[in-house]
């Protein structure tokens, strides 16, 4: 049981992102969205996480994003540096999709870009991926950035070794 105003975020099916590499028909995406609809008013953001070896392809991304339910919030967490480019961020902005700002100890691309009416942040950890806790001064820096952006923000702690995500939250 969760509080009535709790929001869940879901990662788009691995079948869609990793096996089919975003090259799917609309029915595959619709099936995922219909299953997510059971969350009703508790659905926060759907995360689209392309596989790390998938390089940015503008036409593939345009086609893939066109199949989504535009009434829902989406964010893209790309793990290839080929996505860090103006054409990609312009596409996200046109579509109202958030770029995932991911702090990941340098393992995944870190780039601060605001591309949607909301912000999506994943804090994997800046020093050791998944294995250390955020210090108060680091959290203050994030707090100040979030205040400056002045948008609804979804922020997730994914530094789960030794339950640091729970302790940090």
N, C-alpha and C. Protein backbone atom coordinates (compact mmCIF):
# COMPACT_ATOMS: atom_id res chain seq x y z
N UNK A 1 0.84 -1.18 0.00
CA UNK A 1 0.00 0.00 0.00
C UNK A 1 0.89 1.24 0.00
N UNK A 2 0.56 2.18 -0.85
CA UNK A 2 1.31 3.44 -0.93
C UNK A 2 0.37 4.60 -0.67
N UNK A 3 0.91 5.76 -0.30
CA UNK A 3 0.05 6.93 -0.12
C UNK A 3 -0.70 7.25 -1.41
N UNK A 4 -1.85 7.83 -1.30
CA UNK A 4 -2.72 8.09 -2.44
C UNK A 4 -2.03 8.97 -3.50
N UNK A 5 -1.12 9.84 -3.10
CA UNK A 5 -0.46 10.73 -4.06
C UNK A 5 0.92 10.23 -4.50
N UNK A 6 1.26 8.98 -4.16
CA UNK A 6 2.54 8.40 -4.55
C UNK A 6 2.57 8.18 -6.06
N UNK A 7 3.70 8.50 -6.69
CA UNK A 7 3.84 8.30 -8.13
C UNK A 7 4.91 7.25 -8.42
N UNK A 8 4.56 6.31 -9.27
CA UNK A 8 5.49 5.29 -9.73
C UNK A 8 6.07 5.72 -11.07
N UNK A 9 7.31 5.39 -11.30
CA UNK A 9 7.89 5.54 -12.62
C UNK A 9 8.25 4.14 -13.11
N UNK A 10 8.00 3.91 -14.38
CA UNK A 10 8.23 2.60 -14.97
C UNK A 10 9.25 2.71 -16.09
N UNK A 11 10.05 1.67 -16.24
CA UNK A 11 10.98 1.60 -17.35
C UNK A 11 10.30 0.84 -18.49
N UNK A 12 10.32 1.43 -19.67
CA UNK A 12 9.72 0.79 -20.83
C UNK A 12 10.30 -0.61 -21.00
N UNK A 13 9.47 -1.52 -21.41
CA UNK A 13 9.83 -2.93 -21.56
C UNK A 13 11.17 -3.13 -22.26
N UNK A 14 11.96 -4.04 -21.70
CA UNK A 14 13.25 -4.43 -22.27
C UNK A 14 13.06 -5.04 -23.67
N UNK A 15 11.93 -5.68 -23.90
CA UNK A 15 11.64 -6.20 -25.24
C UNK A 15 11.68 -5.07 -26.27
N UNK A 16 11.10 -3.94 -25.90
CA UNK A 16 11.04 -2.79 -26.81
C UNK A 16 12.40 -2.12 -26.94
N UNK A 17 13.08 -1.89 -25.81
CA UNK A 17 14.31 -1.10 -25.83
C UNK A 17 15.55 -1.92 -26.20
N UNK A 18 15.72 -3.07 -25.61
CA UNK A 18 16.97 -3.81 -25.79
C UNK A 18 16.90 -4.91 -26.85
N UNK A 19 15.81 -5.62 -26.91
CA UNK A 19 15.72 -6.72 -27.88
C UNK A 19 15.36 -6.17 -29.27
N UNK A 20 14.33 -5.34 -29.32
CA UNK A 20 13.92 -4.76 -30.62
C UNK A 20 14.63 -3.43 -30.92
N UNK A 21 15.40 -2.93 -29.96
CA UNK A 21 16.18 -1.69 -30.12
C UNK A 21 15.33 -0.53 -30.63
N UNK A 22 14.14 -0.40 -30.03
CA UNK A 22 13.17 0.67 -30.29
C UNK A 22 12.47 0.55 -31.64
N UNK A 23 12.77 -0.47 -32.40
CA UNK A 23 12.16 -0.66 -33.71
C UNK A 23 10.96 -1.59 -33.56
N UNK A 24 9.85 -1.02 -33.10
CA UNK A 24 8.64 -1.80 -32.85
C UNK A 24 7.44 -1.11 -33.47
N UNK A 25 6.34 -1.85 -33.56
CA UNK A 25 5.11 -1.24 -34.03
C UNK A 25 4.37 -0.63 -32.83
N UNK A 26 3.40 0.17 -33.13
CA UNK A 26 2.67 0.88 -32.07
C UNK A 26 1.97 -0.07 -31.11
N UNK A 27 1.59 -1.25 -31.57
CA UNK A 27 0.86 -2.17 -30.69
C UNK A 27 1.73 -2.63 -29.52
N UNK A 28 3.03 -2.78 -29.71
CA UNK A 28 3.92 -3.17 -28.61
C UNK A 28 3.94 -2.10 -27.54
N UNK A 29 4.03 -0.86 -27.95
CA UNK A 29 4.04 0.26 -26.99
C UNK A 29 2.68 0.37 -26.33
N UNK A 30 1.62 0.24 -27.11
CA UNK A 30 0.26 0.33 -26.55
C UNK A 30 0.01 -0.74 -25.51
N UNK A 31 0.51 -1.94 -25.74
CA UNK A 31 0.34 -3.02 -24.77
C UNK A 31 1.01 -2.66 -23.45
N UNK A 32 2.21 -2.11 -23.52
CA UNK A 32 2.91 -1.69 -22.31
C UNK A 32 2.11 -0.59 -21.59
N UNK A 33 1.65 0.40 -22.34
CA UNK A 33 0.90 1.52 -21.75
C UNK A 33 -0.41 1.03 -21.14
N UNK A 34 -1.09 0.10 -21.78
CA UNK A 34 -2.34 -0.44 -21.21
C UNK A 34 -2.07 -1.13 -19.88
N UNK A 35 -0.97 -1.87 -19.78
CA UNK A 35 -0.62 -2.48 -18.51
C UNK A 35 -0.28 -1.43 -17.46
N UNK A 36 0.40 -0.38 -17.87
CA UNK A 36 0.76 0.71 -16.95
C UNK A 36 -0.48 1.47 -16.48
N UNK A 37 -1.54 1.43 -17.27
CA UNK A 37 -2.76 2.17 -16.93
C UNK A 37 -3.38 1.71 -15.63
N UNK A 38 -3.03 0.51 -15.19
CA UNK A 38 -3.57 0.02 -13.92
C UNK A 38 -3.11 0.89 -12.75
N UNK A 39 -2.07 1.67 -12.97
CA UNK A 39 -1.62 2.61 -11.92
C UNK A 39 -2.47 3.87 -11.86
N UNK A 40 -3.31 4.04 -12.85
CA UNK A 40 -4.24 5.19 -12.93
C UNK A 40 -3.50 6.49 -12.63
N UNK A 41 -3.95 7.23 -11.63
CA UNK A 41 -3.36 8.53 -11.29
C UNK A 41 -2.03 8.45 -10.58
N UNK A 42 -1.48 7.25 -10.43
CA UNK A 42 -0.21 7.09 -9.73
C UNK A 42 0.98 6.85 -10.67
N UNK A 43 0.79 7.08 -11.95
CA UNK A 43 1.87 6.90 -12.90
C UNK A 43 2.62 8.22 -13.06
N UNK A 44 3.90 8.20 -12.72
CA UNK A 44 4.71 9.41 -12.82
C UNK A 44 5.32 9.57 -14.19
N UNK A 45 6.35 8.81 -14.48
CA UNK A 45 7.10 8.94 -15.73
C UNK A 45 7.39 7.54 -16.27
N UNK A 46 7.36 7.41 -17.58
CA UNK A 46 7.82 6.18 -18.24
C UNK A 46 9.21 6.47 -18.78
N UNK A 47 10.16 5.65 -18.37
CA UNK A 47 11.55 5.84 -18.76
C UNK A 47 11.85 5.00 -19.99
N UNK A 48 12.40 5.64 -20.99
CA UNK A 48 12.86 4.95 -22.19
C UNK A 48 14.39 4.88 -22.05
N UNK A 49 14.92 3.66 -21.90
CA UNK A 49 16.35 3.49 -21.68
C UNK A 49 16.92 2.62 -22.79
N UNK A 50 17.40 3.26 -23.87
CA UNK A 50 18.00 2.48 -24.96
C UNK A 50 19.22 1.71 -24.44
N UNK A 51 19.55 0.59 -25.07
CA UNK A 51 20.72 -0.18 -24.64
C UNK A 51 22.00 0.65 -24.84
N UNK A 52 23.02 0.41 -24.02
CA UNK A 52 24.24 1.22 -24.08
C UNK A 52 24.93 1.24 -25.45
N UNK A 53 24.81 0.16 -26.22
CA UNK A 53 25.50 0.10 -27.52
C UNK A 53 24.67 0.70 -28.65
N UNK A 54 23.43 1.08 -28.37
CA UNK A 54 22.61 1.69 -29.42
C UNK A 54 23.05 3.14 -29.61
N UNK A 55 23.44 3.45 -30.83
CA UNK A 55 23.88 4.81 -31.15
C UNK A 55 22.68 5.67 -31.54
N UNK A 56 22.80 6.97 -31.34
CA UNK A 56 21.72 7.88 -31.69
C UNK A 56 21.45 7.82 -33.19
N UNK A 57 20.20 7.59 -33.53
CA UNK A 57 19.73 7.57 -34.91
C UNK A 57 18.46 8.42 -34.90
N UNK A 58 18.53 9.58 -35.50
CA UNK A 58 17.43 10.54 -35.42
C UNK A 58 16.11 9.97 -35.95
N UNK A 59 16.15 9.31 -37.09
CA UNK A 59 14.89 8.80 -37.65
C UNK A 59 14.31 7.68 -36.79
N UNK A 60 15.16 6.82 -36.24
CA UNK A 60 14.68 5.76 -35.35
C UNK A 60 14.04 6.37 -34.10
N UNK A 61 14.69 7.37 -33.51
CA UNK A 61 14.13 8.00 -32.32
C UNK A 61 12.82 8.71 -32.63
N UNK A 62 12.76 9.44 -33.73
CA UNK A 62 11.52 10.12 -34.12
C UNK A 62 10.38 9.11 -34.28
N UNK A 63 10.66 8.04 -35.00
CA UNK A 63 9.66 7.00 -35.25
C UNK A 63 9.22 6.34 -33.93
N UNK A 64 10.18 6.01 -33.10
CA UNK A 64 9.88 5.36 -31.83
C UNK A 64 9.04 6.26 -30.92
N UNK A 65 9.44 7.51 -30.79
CA UNK A 65 8.73 8.44 -29.90
C UNK A 65 7.32 8.75 -30.41
N UNK A 66 7.12 8.67 -31.72
CA UNK A 66 5.80 8.93 -32.30
C UNK A 66 4.77 7.88 -31.87
N UNK A 67 5.21 6.73 -31.39
CA UNK A 67 4.30 5.64 -31.03
C UNK A 67 3.84 5.70 -29.58
N UNK A 68 4.31 6.67 -28.82
CA UNK A 68 3.96 6.75 -27.40
C UNK A 68 2.60 7.39 -27.20
N UNK A 69 2.04 7.23 -26.02
CA UNK A 69 0.81 7.90 -25.62
C UNK A 69 1.21 9.30 -25.18
N UNK A 70 0.83 10.31 -25.95
CA UNK A 70 1.27 11.67 -25.66
C UNK A 70 0.63 12.27 -24.41
N UNK A 71 -0.31 11.58 -23.81
CA UNK A 71 -0.92 12.05 -22.57
C UNK A 71 -0.13 11.66 -21.34
N UNK A 72 0.98 10.95 -21.51
CA UNK A 72 1.80 10.51 -20.38
C UNK A 72 3.15 11.22 -20.42
N UNK A 73 3.84 11.20 -19.27
CA UNK A 73 5.18 11.79 -19.18
C UNK A 73 6.22 10.72 -19.48
N UNK A 74 7.23 11.13 -20.28
CA UNK A 74 8.32 10.24 -20.65
C UNK A 74 9.65 10.93 -20.40
N UNK A 75 10.68 10.11 -20.15
CA UNK A 75 12.05 10.58 -20.06
C UNK A 75 12.93 9.57 -20.77
N UNK A 76 14.04 10.03 -21.33
CA UNK A 76 15.00 9.15 -21.98
C UNK A 76 16.29 9.16 -21.18
N UNK A 77 16.73 7.95 -20.81
CA UNK A 77 18.02 7.79 -20.14
C UNK A 77 18.93 7.02 -21.07
N UNK A 78 19.65 7.75 -21.91
CA UNK A 78 20.56 7.12 -22.88
C UNK A 78 21.92 6.92 -22.24
N UNK A 79 22.50 5.78 -22.56
CA UNK A 79 23.80 5.45 -21.97
C UNK A 79 24.93 5.45 -23.00
N UNK A 80 24.66 5.99 -24.16
CA UNK A 80 25.67 6.16 -25.19
C UNK A 80 25.91 7.65 -25.37
N UNK A 81 27.17 8.05 -25.44
CA UNK A 81 27.50 9.47 -25.61
C UNK A 81 27.04 10.01 -26.96
N UNK A 82 26.68 9.13 -27.90
CA UNK A 82 26.23 9.60 -29.22
C UNK A 82 24.91 10.36 -29.11
N UNK A 83 24.20 10.20 -27.98
CA UNK A 83 22.94 10.92 -27.79
C UNK A 83 23.17 12.36 -27.32
N UNK A 84 24.37 12.68 -26.90
CA UNK A 84 24.65 14.03 -26.42
C UNK A 84 24.91 14.92 -27.63
N UNK A 85 23.83 15.37 -28.21
CA UNK A 85 23.95 16.23 -29.38
C UNK A 85 22.67 17.05 -29.57
N UNK A 86 22.82 18.20 -30.18
CA UNK A 86 21.74 19.17 -30.29
C UNK A 86 20.49 18.61 -30.97
N UNK A 87 20.65 17.80 -32.03
CA UNK A 87 19.47 17.26 -32.73
C UNK A 87 18.63 16.40 -31.80
N UNK A 88 19.28 15.62 -30.95
CA UNK A 88 18.57 14.76 -30.01
C UNK A 88 17.82 15.61 -28.98
N UNK A 89 18.50 16.58 -28.40
CA UNK A 89 17.85 17.41 -27.38
C UNK A 89 16.72 18.25 -27.98
N UNK A 90 16.88 18.69 -29.22
CA UNK A 90 15.81 19.43 -29.89
C UNK A 90 14.59 18.53 -30.10
N UNK A 91 14.83 17.28 -30.46
CA UNK A 91 13.73 16.31 -30.63
C UNK A 91 13.00 16.11 -29.31
N UNK A 92 13.73 15.89 -28.23
CA UNK A 92 13.08 15.73 -26.92
C UNK A 92 12.27 16.96 -26.56
N UNK A 93 12.83 18.12 -26.80
CA UNK A 93 12.13 19.36 -26.46
C UNK A 93 10.84 19.50 -27.28
N UNK A 94 10.91 19.23 -28.58
CA UNK A 94 9.71 19.30 -29.43
C UNK A 94 8.62 18.36 -28.92
N UNK A 95 9.03 17.19 -28.43
CA UNK A 95 8.08 16.17 -28.00
C UNK A 95 7.69 16.30 -26.52
N UNK A 96 8.33 17.22 -25.78
CA UNK A 96 8.02 17.38 -24.36
C UNK A 96 8.49 16.21 -23.50
N UNK A 97 9.59 15.59 -23.94
CA UNK A 97 10.15 14.43 -23.25
C UNK A 97 11.40 14.88 -22.49
N UNK A 98 11.52 14.44 -21.25
CA UNK A 98 12.66 14.85 -20.43
C UNK A 98 13.91 14.04 -20.76
N UNK A 99 15.04 14.71 -20.72
CA UNK A 99 16.33 14.04 -20.74
C UNK A 99 16.63 13.64 -19.31
N UNK A 100 17.05 12.43 -19.09
CA UNK A 100 17.41 11.97 -17.75
C UNK A 100 18.80 12.49 -17.40
N UNK A 101 18.85 13.34 -16.40
CA UNK A 101 20.13 13.82 -15.89
C UNK A 101 20.61 12.76 -14.91
N UNK A 102 21.67 12.04 -15.29
CA UNK A 102 22.11 10.88 -14.52
C UNK A 102 23.51 11.10 -13.95
N UNK A 103 23.60 11.07 -12.65
CA UNK A 103 24.88 11.16 -11.94
C UNK A 103 25.34 9.73 -11.70
N UNK A 104 26.37 9.29 -12.44
CA UNK A 104 26.71 7.86 -12.42
C UNK A 104 28.20 7.58 -12.33
N UNK A 105 28.93 8.39 -11.58
CA UNK A 105 30.37 8.17 -11.39
C UNK A 105 31.10 8.08 -12.72
N UNK A 106 30.61 8.81 -13.73
CA UNK A 106 31.26 8.84 -15.03
C UNK A 106 30.99 7.65 -15.93
N UNK A 107 30.19 6.71 -15.50
CA UNK A 107 29.94 5.51 -16.31
C UNK A 107 28.98 5.77 -17.47
N UNK A 108 27.97 6.61 -17.23
CA UNK A 108 27.00 6.96 -18.26
C UNK A 108 27.15 8.44 -18.56
N UNK A 109 26.66 8.89 -19.73
CA UNK A 109 26.79 10.30 -20.07
C UNK A 109 26.11 11.21 -19.04
N UNK A 110 26.85 12.18 -18.56
CA UNK A 110 26.26 13.20 -17.68
C UNK A 110 26.15 14.47 -18.48
N UNK A 111 24.92 14.95 -18.58
CA UNK A 111 24.68 16.19 -19.31
C UNK A 111 23.42 16.81 -18.73
N UNK A 112 23.50 18.06 -18.38
CA UNK A 112 22.33 18.74 -17.84
C UNK A 112 21.61 19.44 -18.98
N UNK A 113 20.44 18.95 -19.29
CA UNK A 113 19.60 19.55 -20.32
C UNK A 113 18.16 19.49 -19.84
N UNK A 114 17.47 20.60 -19.95
CA UNK A 114 16.06 20.66 -19.59
C UNK A 114 15.28 20.68 -20.90
N UNK A 115 14.55 19.60 -21.16
CA UNK A 115 13.88 19.44 -22.46
C UNK A 115 12.37 19.27 -22.34
N UNK A 116 11.84 19.31 -21.12
CA UNK A 116 10.41 19.05 -20.92
C UNK A 116 9.88 19.97 -19.82
N UNK A 117 8.58 19.96 -19.62
CA UNK A 117 8.00 20.78 -18.56
C UNK A 117 8.31 20.25 -17.16
N UNK A 118 9.06 19.15 -17.08
CA UNK A 118 9.45 18.57 -15.80
C UNK A 118 10.89 18.09 -15.92
N UNK A 119 11.49 17.78 -14.79
CA UNK A 119 12.88 17.32 -14.74
C UNK A 119 12.87 15.87 -14.25
N UNK A 120 13.79 15.06 -14.79
CA UNK A 120 13.94 13.68 -14.34
C UNK A 120 15.41 13.45 -14.03
N UNK A 121 15.71 13.06 -12.78
CA UNK A 121 17.08 12.88 -12.32
C UNK A 121 17.25 11.50 -11.72
N UNK A 122 18.37 10.85 -12.06
CA UNK A 122 18.74 9.58 -11.41
C UNK A 122 20.10 9.78 -10.76
N UNK A 123 20.14 9.54 -9.48
CA UNK A 123 21.38 9.69 -8.74
C UNK A 123 21.92 8.30 -8.40
N UNK A 124 22.81 7.82 -9.28
CA UNK A 124 23.44 6.52 -9.09
C UNK A 124 24.63 6.64 -8.15
N UNK A 125 25.22 7.78 -8.09
CA UNK A 125 26.30 8.18 -7.20
C UNK A 125 27.46 8.74 -8.00
N UNK A 126 28.05 9.79 -7.49
CA UNK A 126 29.12 10.47 -8.22
C UNK A 126 30.49 9.83 -8.04
N UNK A 127 30.73 9.13 -6.93
CA UNK A 127 32.06 8.58 -6.67
C UNK A 127 32.19 7.11 -7.06
N UNK A 128 31.29 6.28 -6.59
CA UNK A 128 31.35 4.85 -6.88
C UNK A 128 29.94 4.39 -7.24
N UNK A 129 29.77 3.96 -8.48
CA UNK A 129 28.46 3.62 -9.01
C UNK A 129 27.74 2.61 -8.10
N UNK A 130 26.55 2.95 -7.69
CA UNK A 130 25.65 2.13 -6.87
C UNK A 130 26.19 1.80 -5.48
N UNK A 131 27.30 2.36 -5.08
CA UNK A 131 27.92 1.84 -3.87
C UNK A 131 28.39 2.90 -2.87
N UNK A 132 27.80 4.05 -2.86
CA UNK A 132 28.18 5.03 -1.85
C UNK A 132 27.00 5.97 -1.62
N UNK A 133 27.07 6.68 -0.54
CA UNK A 133 25.94 7.52 -0.17
C UNK A 133 26.25 8.98 -0.50
N UNK A 134 25.22 9.74 -0.74
CA UNK A 134 25.38 11.17 -0.99
C UNK A 134 25.57 11.91 0.32
N UNK A 135 26.51 12.80 0.31
CA UNK A 135 26.74 13.64 1.48
C UNK A 135 25.82 14.85 1.42
N UNK A 136 25.61 15.45 2.57
CA UNK A 136 24.69 16.59 2.67
C UNK A 136 25.07 17.71 1.70
N UNK A 137 26.35 18.03 1.58
CA UNK A 137 26.75 19.14 0.69
C UNK A 137 26.44 18.82 -0.77
N UNK A 138 26.53 17.55 -1.16
CA UNK A 138 26.19 17.16 -2.53
C UNK A 138 24.69 17.31 -2.76
N UNK A 139 23.90 16.94 -1.77
CA UNK A 139 22.45 17.06 -1.89
C UNK A 139 22.02 18.52 -1.94
N UNK A 140 22.74 19.38 -1.26
CA UNK A 140 22.43 20.81 -1.30
C UNK A 140 22.66 21.36 -2.71
N UNK A 141 23.71 20.90 -3.37
CA UNK A 141 23.96 21.32 -4.76
C UNK A 141 22.79 20.92 -5.64
N UNK A 142 22.32 19.66 -5.50
CA UNK A 142 21.17 19.20 -6.29
C UNK A 142 19.92 20.00 -5.93
N UNK A 143 19.70 20.24 -4.66
CA UNK A 143 18.54 21.03 -4.23
C UNK A 143 18.54 22.40 -4.91
N UNK A 144 19.70 23.05 -4.92
CA UNK A 144 19.80 24.38 -5.51
C UNK A 144 19.54 24.36 -7.02
N UNK A 145 20.03 23.32 -7.70
CA UNK A 145 19.76 23.19 -9.14
C UNK A 145 18.26 23.02 -9.38
N UNK A 146 17.64 22.17 -8.60
CA UNK A 146 16.20 21.91 -8.76
C UNK A 146 15.40 23.19 -8.52
N UNK A 147 15.77 23.93 -7.51
CA UNK A 147 15.08 25.21 -7.25
C UNK A 147 15.26 26.18 -8.41
N UNK A 148 16.45 26.23 -8.98
CA UNK A 148 16.72 27.14 -10.10
C UNK A 148 15.92 26.75 -11.34
N UNK A 149 15.78 25.45 -11.58
CA UNK A 149 14.99 25.00 -12.73
C UNK A 149 13.52 25.33 -12.54
N UNK A 150 13.03 25.31 -11.32
CA UNK A 150 11.66 25.68 -10.98
C UNK A 150 10.62 24.91 -11.80
N UNK A 151 10.79 23.59 -11.83
CA UNK A 151 9.85 22.70 -12.52
C UNK A 151 9.59 21.50 -11.62
N UNK A 152 8.46 20.83 -11.84
CA UNK A 152 8.24 19.58 -11.13
C UNK A 152 9.43 18.67 -11.42
N UNK A 153 9.92 18.00 -10.39
CA UNK A 153 11.11 17.16 -10.54
C UNK A 153 10.88 15.78 -9.97
N UNK A 154 11.26 14.79 -10.76
CA UNK A 154 11.26 13.40 -10.33
C UNK A 154 12.73 13.05 -10.09
N UNK A 155 13.05 12.65 -8.87
CA UNK A 155 14.44 12.36 -8.54
C UNK A 155 14.50 10.99 -7.86
N UNK A 156 15.42 10.17 -8.35
CA UNK A 156 15.53 8.80 -7.87
C UNK A 156 16.96 8.53 -7.42
N UNK A 157 17.08 7.95 -6.24
CA UNK A 157 18.37 7.52 -5.73
C UNK A 157 18.54 6.04 -6.07
N UNK A 158 19.58 5.74 -6.81
CA UNK A 158 19.83 4.38 -7.24
C UNK A 158 21.21 3.93 -6.78
N UNK A 159 21.56 4.33 -5.58
CA UNK A 159 22.84 3.91 -5.00
C UNK A 159 22.50 2.88 -3.92
N UNK A 160 22.18 1.67 -4.37
CA UNK A 160 21.51 0.71 -3.50
C UNK A 160 22.41 -0.21 -2.68
N UNK A 161 23.70 -0.17 -2.88
CA UNK A 161 24.57 -0.99 -2.06
C UNK A 161 24.47 -0.54 -0.60
N UNK A 162 24.35 -1.46 0.29
CA UNK A 162 24.24 -1.19 1.72
C UNK A 162 23.06 -0.27 2.06
N UNK A 163 22.03 -0.31 1.24
CA UNK A 163 20.80 0.47 1.45
C UNK A 163 21.03 1.97 1.47
N UNK A 164 22.05 2.45 0.75
CA UNK A 164 22.33 3.88 0.75
C UNK A 164 21.20 4.71 0.16
N UNK A 165 20.49 4.18 -0.83
CA UNK A 165 19.38 4.95 -1.43
C UNK A 165 18.33 5.27 -0.37
N UNK A 166 18.03 4.31 0.47
CA UNK A 166 17.03 4.54 1.53
C UNK A 166 17.57 5.54 2.54
N UNK A 167 18.83 5.40 2.93
CA UNK A 167 19.44 6.30 3.92
C UNK A 167 19.56 7.72 3.37
N UNK A 168 19.82 7.85 2.06
CA UNK A 168 19.98 9.16 1.45
C UNK A 168 18.64 9.86 1.28
N UNK A 169 17.61 9.08 0.93
CA UNK A 169 16.30 9.66 0.68
C UNK A 169 15.77 10.30 1.93
